[in-house]
Amino acid sequence: MHTTSPMPTAVVIGEALIDVFERPGSDRSEYPGGSPLNVAVGLGRLGRGVWLGTWIGTDARSMAIKAHCQASNVQLLPGADQAERTSTARAFIDDTGHADYSFDIDWETPQIPKSIDPLLVHVGSISAVFEPGAADLAELVQKLRTQATISYDPNIRPAIMDAPTVVTTKVERLVGLADIVKASDEDMEWLYPNVPLTCVVTQWLGLGAGIVVVTKGEAGVTAATANVPAIVLPGHAIPVVDTIGAGDAFMSGLLHAAWAAGLLGAENRTALRNISTDMLGQLLSTATGCAEIACSRPGADPPWLGKLGS
């Protein structure tokens, strides 16, 4: 890995692990995964400079993660391989491509060297609510917000997280710090049972989020800001191999599009929050395209820049 930070750059903070896939009638297979890792890989493949702050071991599985990062232009922060073991997620894939997970997680929030000056900081999923470490991560995000755009994806994993009432408090703290929040309708329904999604979106905007995006699978995506009423992009009927990493590909595509539009960095926070309806629709279209490509192939495999629009 390189030891100098490309400029401009993103820092993604969160778990990198090994997905252990089990499919009906197939042998078990293992691939690098974890929502934050997938987002970092997606950004790297789209040509963005990106560092990954994670927590892995020095075992064979960590070697697979490091190779995956290097192949996708992702640099690991120094000290990322100090864990006792590399975390795993066992994914049981049904005949429709849907995955159910079980986890073995080891996590500590990494330090970011002062030499790295991020334009964007992305956090999410298990590491954002998993103790020890979640409180440290929230404090780190609070500090980095003075210089960088903050993006957040709760990416709820009920199999390993505490009860919704406990997790929601941690989620809402990060929502309030974030400029861009992306969540699935399943995430919101788990966090806020029986509460309409539109009410959750309004609540999150009230907490301080700049843009709130809700993905709904085949039903498409909706998004809103304090100034833009909800806009809707319908879903497309596409062949689906599986949905693993689709939300992460969407997230990296969304951030890539905002980057290309010159909307990232703390100095552009007002411009991002005042985004026009047309521009927001363009960001969502790019993100959806990335997710659809990811759905067309097995595992978490986000697109490279040259494949967008082809």
Protein backbone atom coordinates (compact mmCIF):
# COMPACT_ATOMS: atom_id res chain seq x y z
CA MET A 1 0.00 0.00 0.00
CA HIS A 2 1.11 3.58 -0.68
CA THR A 3 1.94 5.77 2.30
CA THR A 4 1.02 9.14 0.81
CA SER A 5 -2.50 10.47 0.52
CA PRO A 6 -3.83 11.30 -2.95
CA MET A 7 -5.62 14.64 -3.19
CA PRO A 8 -8.51 15.01 -3.02
CA THR A 9 -9.38 11.91 -1.05
CA ALA A 10 -12.11 10.07 0.82
CA VAL A 11 -11.80 8.19 4.09
CA VAL A 12 -14.19 5.29 4.66
CA ILE A 13 -14.36 4.03 8.25
CA GLY A 14 -15.85 0.67 9.13
CA GLU A 15 -15.68 -3.08 8.98
CA ALA A 16 -13.88 -5.09 6.35
CA LEU A 17 -14.57 -8.80 6.64
CA ILE A 18 -14.80 -12.04 4.76
CA ASP A 19 -18.21 -13.01 3.39
CA VAL A 20 -18.67 -16.77 3.54
CA PHE A 21 -21.35 -17.61 0.96
CA GLU A 22 -23.50 -20.72 1.11
CA ARG A 23 -25.94 -21.30 -1.76
CA PRO A 24 -28.40 -24.16 -2.33
CA GLY A 25 -26.64 -26.96 -4.15
CA SER A 26 -23.28 -25.15 -4.28
CA ASP A 27 -19.98 -25.34 -2.44
CA ARG A 28 -19.09 -22.73 0.14
CA SER A 29 -17.10 -19.75 -1.15
CA GLU A 30 -15.34 -16.81 0.52
CA TYR A 31 -14.91 -13.22 -0.69
CA PRO A 32 -13.89 -9.89 0.92
CA GLY A 33 -16.91 -7.86 2.01
CA GLY A 34 -18.46 -5.62 4.63
CA SER A 35 -20.51 -2.56 3.75
CA PRO A 36 -17.79 0.08 4.38
CA LEU A 37 -15.21 -1.98 2.47
CA ASN A 38 -17.65 -2.31 -0.42
CA VAL A 39 -18.23 1.45 -0.51
CA ALA A 40 -14.48 2.10 -0.47
CA VAL A 41 -13.96 -0.38 -3.30
CA GLY A 42 -16.79 1.20 -5.26
CA LEU A 43 -15.21 4.65 -4.93
CA GLY A 44 -11.77 3.32 -5.84
CA ARG A 45 -13.12 1.63 -8.96
CA LEU A 46 -14.83 4.88 -9.95
CA GLY A 47 -11.47 6.64 -9.92
CA ARG A 48 -11.63 8.33 -6.52
CA GLY A 49 -8.73 8.47 -4.07
CA VAL A 50 -9.83 6.54 -0.98
CA TRP A 51 -8.43 5.34 2.31
CA LEU A 52 -10.11 2.59 4.33
CA GLY A 53 -9.94 2.78 8.11
CA THR A 54 -10.81 -0.72 9.27
CA TRP A 55 -9.84 -3.43 11.75
CA ILE A 56 -8.48 -6.74 10.41
CA GLY A 57 -5.97 -9.34 11.53
CA THR A 58 -2.79 -10.69 9.96
CA ASP A 59 -4.27 -14.06 8.95
CA ALA A 60 -4.91 -15.47 5.48
CA ARG A 61 -8.32 -13.83 5.35
CA SER A 62 -6.77 -10.41 5.96
CA MET A 63 -4.40 -11.05 3.07
CA ALA A 64 -7.43 -11.55 0.81
CA ILE A 65 -8.88 -8.22 1.98
CA LYS A 66 -5.60 -6.39 1.40
CA ALA A 67 -5.28 -7.85 -2.11
CA HIS A 68 -8.88 -6.87 -2.88
CA CYS A 69 -8.24 -3.32 -1.72
CA GLN A 70 -5.04 -2.99 -3.71
CA ALA A 71 -6.71 -4.31 -6.86
CA SER A 72 -9.47 -1.69 -6.51
CA ASN A 73 -7.22 1.31 -5.73
CA VAL A 74 -8.08 1.43 -2.01
CA GLN A 75 -5.37 2.23 0.53
CA LEU A 76 -5.56 0.91 4.10
CA LEU A 77 -4.91 3.34 6.92
CA PRO A 78 -1.78 2.52 8.94
CA GLY A 79 -2.49 0.15 11.82
CA ALA A 80 -5.58 -1.38 10.22
CA ASP A 81 -4.26 -4.94 10.69
CA GLN A 82 -3.90 -5.01 14.49
CA ALA A 83 -7.02 -7.09 15.26
CA GLU A 84 -6.75 -10.54 16.81
CA ARG A 85 -8.70 -12.02 13.91
CA THR A 86 -10.35 -10.97 10.69
CA SER A 87 -14.12 -10.69 11.03
CA THR A 88 -16.50 -12.90 9.04
CA ALA A 89 -20.10 -12.79 7.84
CA ARG A 90 -21.80 -16.02 6.80
CA ALA A 91 -24.35 -15.36 4.06
CA PHE A 92 -27.01 -17.97 3.30
CA ILE A 93 -28.31 -17.25 -0.22
CA ASP A 94 -31.79 -18.48 -1.15
CA ASP A 95 -33.11 -19.26 -4.62
CA THR A 96 -34.21 -15.63 -5.16
CA GLY A 97 -30.74 -14.24 -4.45
CA HIS A 98 -31.69 -12.88 -1.02
CA ALA A 99 -29.06 -13.26 1.72
CA ASP A 100 -29.46 -13.90 5.45
CA TYR A 101 -26.38 -13.23 7.57
CA SER A 102 -24.66 -14.34 10.77
CA PHE A 103 -21.54 -12.54 12.02
CA ASP A 104 -18.29 -12.88 13.96
CA ILE A 105 -17.03 -9.31 14.41
CA ASP A 106 -13.93 -7.79 16.01
CA TRP A 107 -13.85 -3.97 15.84
CA GLU A 108 -11.95 -0.92 17.07
CA THR A 109 -12.13 2.55 15.55
CA PRO A 110 -8.83 3.37 13.79
CA GLN A 111 -6.88 6.61 13.99
CA ILE A 112 -6.55 8.89 10.96
CA PRO A 113 -3.06 10.36 10.46
CA LYS A 114 -2.92 14.16 10.40
CA SER A 115 -1.29 13.97 6.96
CA ILE A 116 -4.59 12.77 5.47
CA ASP A 117 -7.00 15.63 4.76
CA PRO A 118 -10.27 14.08 3.54
CA LEU A 119 -12.82 15.75 1.32
CA LEU A 120 -15.33 13.03 2.23
CA VAL A 121 -15.76 10.76 5.25
CA HIS A 122 -18.12 7.80 4.98
CA VAL A 123 -19.21 5.61 7.90
CA GLY A 124 -21.79 2.91 8.33
CA SER A 125 -23.20 -0.42 9.27
CA ILE A 126 -22.00 -2.63 12.12
CA SER A 127 -18.96 -0.60 13.17
CA ALA A 128 -21.13 2.51 13.63
CA VAL A 129 -23.16 0.89 16.42
CA PHE A 130 -20.89 -1.95 17.65
CA GLU A 131 -19.22 -1.50 21.04
CA PRO A 132 -16.47 -0.95 21.84
CA GLY A 133 -15.74 1.58 19.19
CA ALA A 134 -19.06 3.16 18.16
CA ALA A 135 -18.75 6.08 20.59
CA ASP A 136 -15.18 6.73 19.42
CA LEU A 137 -16.35 6.68 15.80
CA ALA A 138 -19.09 9.24 16.46
CA GLU A 139 -16.60 11.55 18.18
CA LEU A 140 -14.21 11.18 15.24
CA VAL A 141 -16.98 12.04 12.78
CA GLN A 142 -17.84 15.13 14.85
CA LYS A 143 -14.25 16.37 14.50
CA LEU A 144 -13.90 15.53 10.80
CA ARG A 145 -17.14 17.31 9.96
CA THR A 146 -15.34 20.65 10.12
CA GLN A 147 -13.36 19.75 6.99
CA ALA A 148 -15.26 17.03 5.15
CA THR A 149 -18.65 16.01 3.85
CA ILE A 150 -20.04 13.23 6.05
CA SER A 151 -22.02 10.35 4.56
CA TYR A 152 -23.72 7.58 6.50
CA ASP A 153 -25.48 4.31 5.74
CA PRO A 154 -27.01 2.49 8.76
CA ASN A 155 -27.08 -0.79 6.77
CA ILE A 156 -28.85 -2.55 9.62
CA ARG A 157 -27.81 -6.12 10.48
CA PRO A 158 -30.32 -7.41 13.07
CA ALA A 159 -28.39 -10.65 13.63
CA ILE A 160 -25.59 -8.82 15.42
CA MET A 161 -27.07 -5.50 16.55
CA ASP A 162 -28.81 -4.65 19.80
CA ALA A 163 -32.55 -4.01 20.03
CA PRO A 164 -33.90 -1.25 17.76
CA THR A 165 -34.48 1.08 20.70
CA VAL A 166 -30.75 0.89 21.57
CA VAL A 167 -29.46 1.10 18.01
CA THR A 168 -31.75 3.98 17.03
CA THR A 169 -30.08 6.35 19.49
CA LYS A 170 -26.67 5.69 17.91
CA VAL A 171 -28.08 5.90 14.40
CA GLU A 172 -29.77 9.22 15.09
CA ARG A 173 -26.54 10.73 16.45
CA LEU A 174 -24.78 9.94 13.16
CA VAL A 175 -27.77 11.03 11.07
CA GLY A 176 -27.56 14.41 12.79
CA LEU A 177 -23.90 14.74 11.80
CA ALA A 178 -24.34 13.58 8.22
CA ASP A 179 -24.70 15.55 5.02
CA ILE A 180 -25.80 12.49 3.01
CA VAL A 181 -27.74 9.60 4.54
CA LYS A 182 -28.73 6.52 2.56
CA ALA A 183 -30.90 3.79 4.09
CA SER A 184 -33.04 0.98 2.76
CA ASP A 185 -36.73 0.78 3.49
CA GLU A 186 -35.95 -2.40 5.49
CA ASP A 187 -33.47 -0.45 7.64
CA MET A 188 -36.06 2.19 8.44
CA GLU A 189 -38.81 -0.31 9.15
CA TRP A 190 -36.54 -2.15 11.61
CA LEU A 191 -35.49 1.05 13.37
CA TYR A 192 -39.00 2.56 13.45
CA PRO A 193 -41.64 -0.20 13.36
CA ASN A 194 -45.02 0.91 12.01
CA VAL A 195 -43.80 4.46 11.29
CA PRO A 196 -44.37 5.66 7.69
CA LEU A 197 -41.13 6.10 5.75
CA THR A 198 -42.04 9.69 4.90
CA CYS A 199 -42.21 10.48 8.62
CA VAL A 200 -38.76 8.96 9.21
CA VAL A 201 -37.31 10.99 6.35
CA THR A 202 -38.81 14.18 7.80
CA GLN A 203 -37.46 13.28 11.25
CA TRP A 204 -33.95 12.66 9.94
CA LEU A 205 -33.92 15.95 8.03
CA GLY A 206 -35.03 17.62 11.25
CA LEU A 207 -32.09 16.04 13.10
CA GLY A 208 -29.72 17.75 10.68
CA ALA A 209 -29.19 15.42 7.72
CA GLY A 210 -28.69 17.29 4.45
CA ILE A 211 -29.98 14.70 1.98
CA VAL A 212 -31.91 11.55 2.93
CA VAL A 213 -32.15 8.77 0.35
CA VAL A 214 -34.32 5.66 0.76
CA THR A 215 -33.72 2.64 -1.47
CA LYS A 216 -36.65 0.26 -1.96
CA GLY A 217 -35.28 -2.51 -4.15
CA GLU A 218 -37.37 -3.15 -7.24
CA ALA A 219 -39.71 -0.33 -6.16
CA GLY A 220 -37.01 2.25 -6.86
CA VAL A 221 -35.61 5.05 -4.72
CA THR A 222 -36.83 8.25 -3.09
CA ALA A 223 -34.86 11.21 -1.77
CA ALA A 224 -35.53 14.53 -0.08
CA THR A 225 -33.79 17.56 1.39
CA ALA A 226 -35.07 20.37 3.56
CA ASN A 227 -35.77 22.31 0.35
CA VAL A 228 -36.66 19.54 -2.11
CA PRO A 229 -39.85 17.55 -1.54
CA ALA A 230 -39.48 13.83 -2.07
CA ILE A 231 -38.53 12.84 -5.60
CA VAL A 232 -38.98 9.30 -6.84
CA LEU A 233 -37.02 7.24 -9.35
CA PRO A 234 -38.89 4.07 -10.31
CA GLY A 235 -37.14 0.72 -10.28
CA HIS A 236 -36.22 -1.20 -13.41
CA ALA A 237 -36.94 -4.83 -14.16
CA ILE A 238 -33.45 -6.34 -14.46
CA PRO A 239 -32.07 -9.89 -14.17
CA VAL A 240 -30.77 -10.31 -10.61
CA VAL A 241 -27.99 -12.74 -9.74
CA ASP A 242 -28.04 -11.59 -6.11
CA THR A 243 -28.46 -8.35 -4.17
CA ILE A 244 -25.26 -8.59 -2.12
CA GLY A 245 -23.49 -5.24 -2.11
CA ALA A 246 -26.14 -3.52 -4.24
CA GLY A 247 -26.83 -0.88 -1.60
CA ASP A 248 -23.11 -0.26 -1.17
CA ALA A 249 -22.66 0.13 -4.94
CA PHE A 250 -25.55 2.62 -4.86
CA MET A 251 -23.83 4.53 -2.05
CA SER A 252 -20.47 4.73 -3.82
CA GLY A 253 -22.20 5.78 -7.04
CA LEU A 254 -24.11 8.50 -5.19
CA LEU A 255 -20.93 9.85 -3.58
CA HIS A 256 -19.02 9.65 -6.86
CA ALA A 257 -21.73 11.68 -8.61
CA ALA A 258 -21.78 14.31 -5.84
CA TRP A 259 -17.98 14.48 -6.09
CA ALA A 260 -18.15 15.00 -9.85
CA ALA A 261 -20.69 17.80 -9.32
CA GLY A 262 -18.31 19.66 -6.99
CA LEU A 263 -20.60 19.26 -3.99
CA LEU A 264 -18.23 17.63 -1.49
CA GLY A 265 -16.07 19.18 1.22
CA ALA A 266 -17.16 21.24 4.21
CA GLU A 267 -16.87 24.44 2.17
CA ASN A 268 -19.57 23.07 -0.17
CA ARG A 269 -21.97 22.01 2.57
CA THR A 270 -24.47 24.78 1.85
CA ALA A 271 -24.42 24.04 -1.89
CA LEU A 272 -25.01 20.35 -1.25
CA ARG A 273 -27.92 21.04 1.08
CA ASN A 274 -29.42 23.46 -1.46
CA ILE A 275 -29.13 20.97 -4.33
CA SER A 276 -31.73 21.36 -7.07
CA THR A 277 -34.33 18.73 -7.87
CA ASP A 278 -32.74 18.11 -11.27
CA MET A 279 -29.24 17.66 -9.84
CA LEU A 280 -30.50 15.36 -7.09
CA GLY A 281 -32.20 13.26 -9.75
CA GLN A 282 -28.93 13.01 -11.67
CA LEU A 283 -27.09 11.80 -8.57
CA LEU A 284 -29.74 9.17 -7.94
CA SER A 285 -29.62 8.01 -11.56
CA THR A 286 -25.86 7.40 -11.38
CA ALA A 287 -26.24 5.59 -8.05
CA THR A 288 -29.04 3.39 -9.39
CA GLY A 289 -26.95 2.47 -12.41
CA CYS A 290 -24.13 1.30 -10.14
CA ALA A 291 -26.54 -0.78 -8.03
CA GLU A 292 -28.07 -2.43 -11.10
CA ILE A 293 -24.64 -3.49 -12.36
CA ALA A 294 -23.83 -4.96 -8.94
CA CYS A 295 -27.09 -6.94 -8.98
CA SER A 296 -26.19 -8.45 -12.33
CA ARG A 297 -23.24 -10.43 -10.95
CA PRO A 298 -22.56 -12.55 -7.87
CA GLY A 299 -21.25 -11.11 -4.61
CA ALA A 300 -20.27 -7.53 -3.83
CA ASP A 301 -18.80 -6.51 -7.19
CA PRO A 302 -19.35 -2.78 -7.88
CA PRO A 303 -18.64 -1.39 -11.35
CA TRP A 304 -15.51 0.25 -12.70
CA LEU A 305 -15.80 3.75 -14.12
CA GLY A 306 -15.54 2.54 -17.71
CA LYS A 307 -18.60 0.30 -17.30
CA LEU A 308 -21.00 3.07 -16.27
CA GLY A 309 -23.47 3.86 -19.03
CA SER A 310 -22.39 0.89 -21.14
